[in-house]
Amino acid sequence: EIDEYNCSHFQEINLNSVQHLSIYSKQIINIYLNYFPNVTHLTINHYFQTSDKSIITTLNRMIPLAQLKKLTIESYNFPFEEIIELLRFTPNLYALKLDLLHDQKTNTKLIR
């Protein structure tokens, strides 16, 4: 017989061991989020919609953004404004890799 405590403890151990998280989903529903406390590398493969309209809020519920060291975005339709906003919440980031970014009109004031 499998008891609920052992299952939740096993899941917690598994989530604690994750250091690289890849998001492939195009939509994330906030009530089904898991928290990965030791993630230091995040890869986003698709620009995703969230139920609360804030990617930053959703990501911060999944991982501690402040400890993120590497960020890879492999989505041509990820808005540049969202990338800049995400960078504001990742003070320890030392590696940023942007793949498949489509030439977008960007507001140069955001970069300054």
C-alpha atoms as a PDB file:
ATOM      1  CA  GLU A   1       0.000   0.000   0.000  1.00  0.00           C
ATOM      2  CA  ILE A   2       1.316   3.442  -0.917  1.00  0.00           C
ATOM      3  CA  ASP A   3       0.597   6.136   1.602  1.00  0.00           C
ATOM      4  CA  GLU A   4       0.077   9.783   0.764  1.00  0.00           C
ATOM      5  CA  TYR A   5       2.980  11.026   2.913  1.00  0.00           C
ATOM      6  CA  ASN A   6       5.571   8.864   1.140  1.00  0.00           C
ATOM      7  CA  CYS A   7       4.285   9.920  -2.282  1.00  0.00           C
ATOM      8  CA  SER A   8       4.396  13.616  -1.444  1.00  0.00           C
ATOM      9  CA  HIS A   9       7.843  13.236   0.165  1.00  0.00           C
ATOM     10  CA  PHE A  10       9.141  11.401  -2.920  1.00  0.00           C
ATOM     11  CA  GLN A  11       7.748  14.114  -5.206  1.00  0.00           C
ATOM     12  CA  GLU A  12       9.334  16.822  -3.036  1.00  0.00           C
ATOM     13  CA  ILE A  13      12.727  15.119  -3.270  1.00  0.00           C
ATOM     14  CA  ASN A  14      12.396  14.862  -7.044  1.00  0.00           C
ATOM     15  CA  LEU A  15      11.438  18.532  -7.382  1.00  0.00           C
ATOM     16  CA  ASN A  16      14.314  19.568  -5.122  1.00  0.00           C
ATOM     17  CA  SER A  17      16.822  17.761  -7.338  1.00  0.00           C
ATOM     18  CA  VAL A  18      15.867  19.666 -10.519  1.00  0.00           C
ATOM     19  CA  GLN A  19      18.446  22.265 -11.577  1.00  0.00           C
ATOM     20  CA  HIS A  20      17.466  22.794 -15.230  1.00  0.00           C
ATOM     21  CA  LEU A  21      13.814  23.371 -16.078  1.00  0.00           C
ATOM     22  CA  SER A  22      12.527  23.442 -19.665  1.00  0.00           C
ATOM     23  CA  ILE A  23       9.089  24.813 -20.451  1.00  0.00           C
ATOM     24  CA  TYR A  24       7.543  23.516 -23.666  1.00  0.00           C
ATOM     25  CA  SER A  25       3.933  24.385 -22.941  1.00  0.00           C
ATOM     26  CA  LYS A  26       2.075  27.140 -24.761  1.00  0.00           C
ATOM     27  CA  GLN A  27      -0.292  27.680 -21.841  1.00  0.00           C
ATOM     28  CA  ILE A  28       0.255  27.331 -18.112  1.00  0.00           C
ATOM     29  CA  ILE A  29      -2.606  27.140 -15.645  1.00  0.00           C
ATOM     30  CA  ASN A  30      -1.468  28.470 -12.288  1.00  0.00           C
ATOM     31  CA  ILE A  31      -3.395  25.996 -10.166  1.00  0.00           C
ATOM     32  CA  TYR A  32      -1.288  23.109 -11.522  1.00  0.00           C
ATOM     33  CA  LEU A  33       2.156  24.550 -10.847  1.00  0.00           C
ATOM     34  CA  ASN A  34       4.972  22.713  -9.126  1.00  0.00           C
ATOM     35  CA  TYR A  35       7.735  24.589  -7.328  1.00  0.00           C
ATOM     36  CA  PHE A  36      11.339  23.737  -8.193  1.00  0.00           C
ATOM     37  CA  PRO A  37      13.430  25.422  -5.465  1.00  0.00           C
ATOM     38  CA  ASN A  38      16.895  24.580  -6.833  1.00  0.00           C
ATOM     39  CA  VAL A  39      16.553  25.530 -10.494  1.00  0.00           C
ATOM     40  CA  THR A  40      19.427  27.686 -11.743  1.00  0.00           C
ATOM     41  CA  HIS A  41      18.919  27.190 -15.503  1.00  0.00           C
ATOM     42  CA  LEU A  42      15.641  27.881 -17.290  1.00  0.00           C
ATOM     43  CA  THR A  43      14.844  27.135 -20.935  1.00  0.00           C
ATOM     44  CA  ILE A  44      11.649  28.513 -22.458  1.00  0.00           C
ATOM     45  CA  ASN A  45      10.787  26.831 -25.745  1.00  0.00           C
ATOM     46  CA  HIS A  46       7.491  28.602 -26.425  1.00  0.00           C
ATOM     47  CA  TYR A  47       6.010  31.916 -25.451  1.00  0.00           C
ATOM     48  CA  PHE A  48       3.263  30.777 -23.125  1.00  0.00           C
ATOM     49  CA  GLN A  49      -0.008  32.218 -21.934  1.00  0.00           C
ATOM     50  CA  THR A  50      -0.807  32.224 -18.234  1.00  0.00           C
ATOM     51  CA  SER A  51      -4.084  32.335 -16.391  1.00  0.00           C
ATOM     52  CA  ASP A  52      -3.109  35.530 -14.550  1.00  0.00           C
ATOM     53  CA  LYS A  53      -1.621  37.310 -17.615  1.00  0.00           C
ATOM     54  CA  SER A  54       1.813  37.642 -16.001  1.00  0.00           C
ATOM     55  CA  ILE A  55       4.685  35.434 -17.088  1.00  0.00           C
ATOM     56  CA  ILE A  56       6.909  36.831 -14.325  1.00  0.00           C
ATOM     57  CA  THR A  57       4.384  35.954 -11.610  1.00  0.00           C
ATOM     58  CA  THR A  58       3.880  32.464 -13.005  1.00  0.00           C
ATOM     59  CA  LEU A  59       7.610  31.782 -13.324  1.00  0.00           C
ATOM     60  CA  ASN A  60       8.254  33.059  -9.808  1.00  0.00           C
ATOM     61  CA  ARG A  61       5.661  30.572  -8.523  1.00  0.00           C
ATOM     62  CA  MET A  62       7.587  27.783 -10.260  1.00  0.00           C
ATOM     63  CA  ILE A  63      11.200  28.752  -9.557  1.00  0.00           C
ATOM     64  CA  PRO A  64      13.054  31.363  -7.499  1.00  0.00           C
ATOM     65  CA  LEU A  65      13.913  33.814 -10.282  1.00  0.00           C
ATOM     66  CA  ALA A  66      16.505  35.576  -8.126  1.00  0.00           C
ATOM     67  CA  GLN A  67      18.788  32.498  -8.099  1.00  0.00           C
ATOM     68  CA  LEU A  68      18.570  31.891 -11.859  1.00  0.00           C
ATOM     69  CA  LYS A  69      22.034  31.870 -13.471  1.00  0.00           C
ATOM     70  CA  LYS A  70      21.275  30.776 -17.049  1.00  0.00           C
ATOM     71  CA  LEU A  71      18.299  31.667 -19.212  1.00  0.00           C
ATOM     72  CA  THR A  72      17.659  30.268 -22.683  1.00  0.00           C
ATOM     73  CA  ILE A  73      14.727  31.496 -24.757  1.00  0.00           C
ATOM     74  CA  GLU A  74      14.063  29.487 -27.900  1.00  0.00           C
ATOM     75  CA  SER A  75      10.871  31.177 -29.011  1.00  0.00           C
ATOM     76  CA  TYR A  76      10.630  33.482 -32.004  1.00  0.00           C
ATOM     77  CA  ASN A  77       7.471  35.116 -30.657  1.00  0.00           C
ATOM     78  CA  PHE A  78       8.629  35.862 -27.110  1.00  0.00           C
ATOM     79  CA  PRO A  79       8.096  39.638 -26.769  1.00  0.00           C
ATOM     80  CA  PHE A  80      11.270  41.623 -26.237  1.00  0.00           C
ATOM     81  CA  GLU A  81       9.512  43.648 -23.537  1.00  0.00           C
ATOM     82  CA  GLU A  82       8.889  40.425 -21.579  1.00  0.00           C
ATOM     83  CA  ILE A  83      12.570  39.480 -21.879  1.00  0.00           C
ATOM     84  CA  ILE A  84      13.604  42.855 -20.456  1.00  0.00           C
ATOM     85  CA  GLU A  85      11.066  42.485 -17.636  1.00  0.00           C
ATOM     86  CA  LEU A  86      12.330  38.984 -16.888  1.00  0.00           C
ATOM     87  CA  LEU A  87      15.912  40.252 -16.700  1.00  0.00           C
ATOM     88  CA  ARG A  88      14.864  42.724 -14.014  1.00  0.00           C
ATOM     89  CA  PHE A  89      13.921  39.795 -11.751  1.00  0.00           C
ATOM     90  CA  THR A  90      17.073  37.729 -12.355  1.00  0.00           C
ATOM     91  CA  PRO A  91      19.932  39.660 -10.679  1.00  0.00           C
ATOM     92  CA  ASN A  92      22.287  36.636 -10.614  1.00  0.00           C
ATOM     93  CA  LEU A  93      21.917  35.823 -14.302  1.00  0.00           C
ATOM     94  CA  TYR A  94      25.278  35.504 -16.051  1.00  0.00           C
ATOM     95  CA  ALA A  95      24.265  33.678 -19.254  1.00  0.00           C
ATOM     96  CA  LEU A  96      21.469  34.668 -21.607  1.00  0.00           C
ATOM     97  CA  LYS A  97      20.921  32.740 -24.828  1.00  0.00           C
ATOM     98  CA  LEU A  98      18.300  33.935 -27.291  1.00  0.00           C
ATOM     99  CA  ASP A  99      17.572  31.467 -30.093  1.00  0.00           C
ATOM    100  CA  LEU A 100      15.096  31.781 -32.926  1.00  0.00           C
ATOM    101  CA  LEU A 101      14.241  35.384 -32.207  1.00  0.00           C
ATOM    102  CA  HIS A 102      12.390  36.909 -35.097  1.00  0.00           C
ATOM    103  CA  ASP A 103      13.320  40.462 -36.057  1.00  0.00           C
ATOM    104  CA  GLN A 104      10.829  42.486 -34.092  1.00  0.00           C
ATOM    105  CA  LYS A 105      10.315  46.176 -33.791  1.00  0.00           C
ATOM    106  CA  THR A 106      11.537  46.969 -30.338  1.00  0.00           C
ATOM    107  CA  ASN A 107      11.321  50.061 -28.301  1.00  0.00           C
ATOM    108  CA  THR A 108      14.936  51.155 -27.838  1.00  0.00           C
ATOM    109  CA  LYS A 109      13.954  53.003 -24.668  1.00  0.00           C
ATOM    110  CA  LEU A 110      13.452  49.579 -23.056  1.00  0.00           C
ATOM    111  CA  ILE A 111      17.083  48.678 -23.684  1.00  0.00           C
ATOM    112  CA  ARG A 112      18.458  51.858 -22.116  1.00  0.00           C
END
